[in-house]
Amino acid sequence: MTMTDLSDERAATRAAIRKARNSTKPTVPADQVLALLDADLARIQVAIDALPTPHPTD
């Protein structure tokens, strides 16, 4: 998956969530929204874990 694919996926996810928030009958079930947010959180945690360990400054 390329960065463009991830950006497109995130944009689509945000659009779906916005649409669901603005609707009285959400098209995206809450459990699906939570699953998408969990997946985003997992990707963020992987990115954080991949950061180099900071070295103390003396």
Protein backbone atom coordinates (compact mmCIF):
# COMPACT_ATOMS: atom_id res chain seq x y z
CA MET A 1 0.00 0.00 0.00
CA THR A 2 1.42 3.37 -0.99
CA MET A 3 1.21 6.64 0.91
CA THR A 4 -1.31 7.87 -1.69
CA ASP A 5 -3.48 4.82 -1.01
CA LEU A 6 -3.30 5.50 2.73
CA SER A 7 -4.15 9.17 2.21
CA ASP A 8 -7.11 8.24 -0.01
CA GLU A 9 -8.25 5.65 2.53
CA ARG A 10 -8.03 8.15 5.40
CA ALA A 11 -9.88 10.80 3.39
CA ALA A 12 -12.65 8.34 2.58
CA THR A 13 -12.83 7.28 6.23
CA ARG A 14 -13.07 10.88 7.43
CA ALA A 15 -15.74 11.62 4.82
CA ALA A 16 -17.78 8.59 5.89
CA ILE A 17 -17.52 9.57 9.55
CA ARG A 18 -18.51 13.18 8.78
CA LYS A 19 -21.48 11.95 6.77
CA ALA A 20 -22.52 9.64 9.60
CA ARG A 21 -22.27 12.45 12.17
CA ASN A 22 -24.43 14.75 10.04
CA SER A 23 -27.12 12.16 9.39
CA THR A 24 -30.02 11.14 11.59
CA LYS A 25 -29.64 7.66 10.09
CA PRO A 26 -25.90 7.00 9.91
CA THR A 27 -24.75 5.02 6.89
CA VAL A 28 -21.70 3.79 8.78
CA PRO A 29 -22.48 1.65 11.83
CA ALA A 30 -20.81 2.72 15.07
CA ASP A 31 -18.89 -0.56 15.35
CA GLN A 32 -17.41 0.01 11.89
CA VAL A 33 -16.38 3.56 12.82
CA LEU A 34 -14.72 2.24 15.97
CA ALA A 35 -12.93 -0.46 13.97
CA LEU A 36 -11.61 2.19 11.56
CA LEU A 37 -10.43 4.35 14.46
CA ASP A 38 -8.77 1.33 16.08
CA ALA A 39 -6.94 0.60 12.82
CA ASP A 40 -5.80 4.24 12.61
CA LEU A 41 -4.60 4.09 16.20
CA ALA A 42 -2.64 0.90 15.47
CA ARG A 43 -0.94 2.55 12.46
CA ILE A 44 -0.08 5.60 14.58
CA GLN A 45 1.37 3.40 17.31
CA VAL A 46 3.52 1.54 14.76
CA ALA A 47 4.81 4.88 13.46
CA ILE A 48 5.58 6.05 17.01
CA ASP A 49 7.35 2.78 17.82
CA ALA A 50 9.46 3.17 14.68
CA LEU A 51 10.81 6.56 15.79
CA PRO A 52 14.43 6.52 16.93
CA THR A 53 15.03 6.52 20.66
CA PRO A 54 15.96 10.00 21.82
CA HIS A 55 19.41 10.32 23.33
CA PRO A 56 19.77 12.33 26.52
CA THR A 57 21.60 15.60 26.09
CA ASP A 58 24.35 16.46 28.50
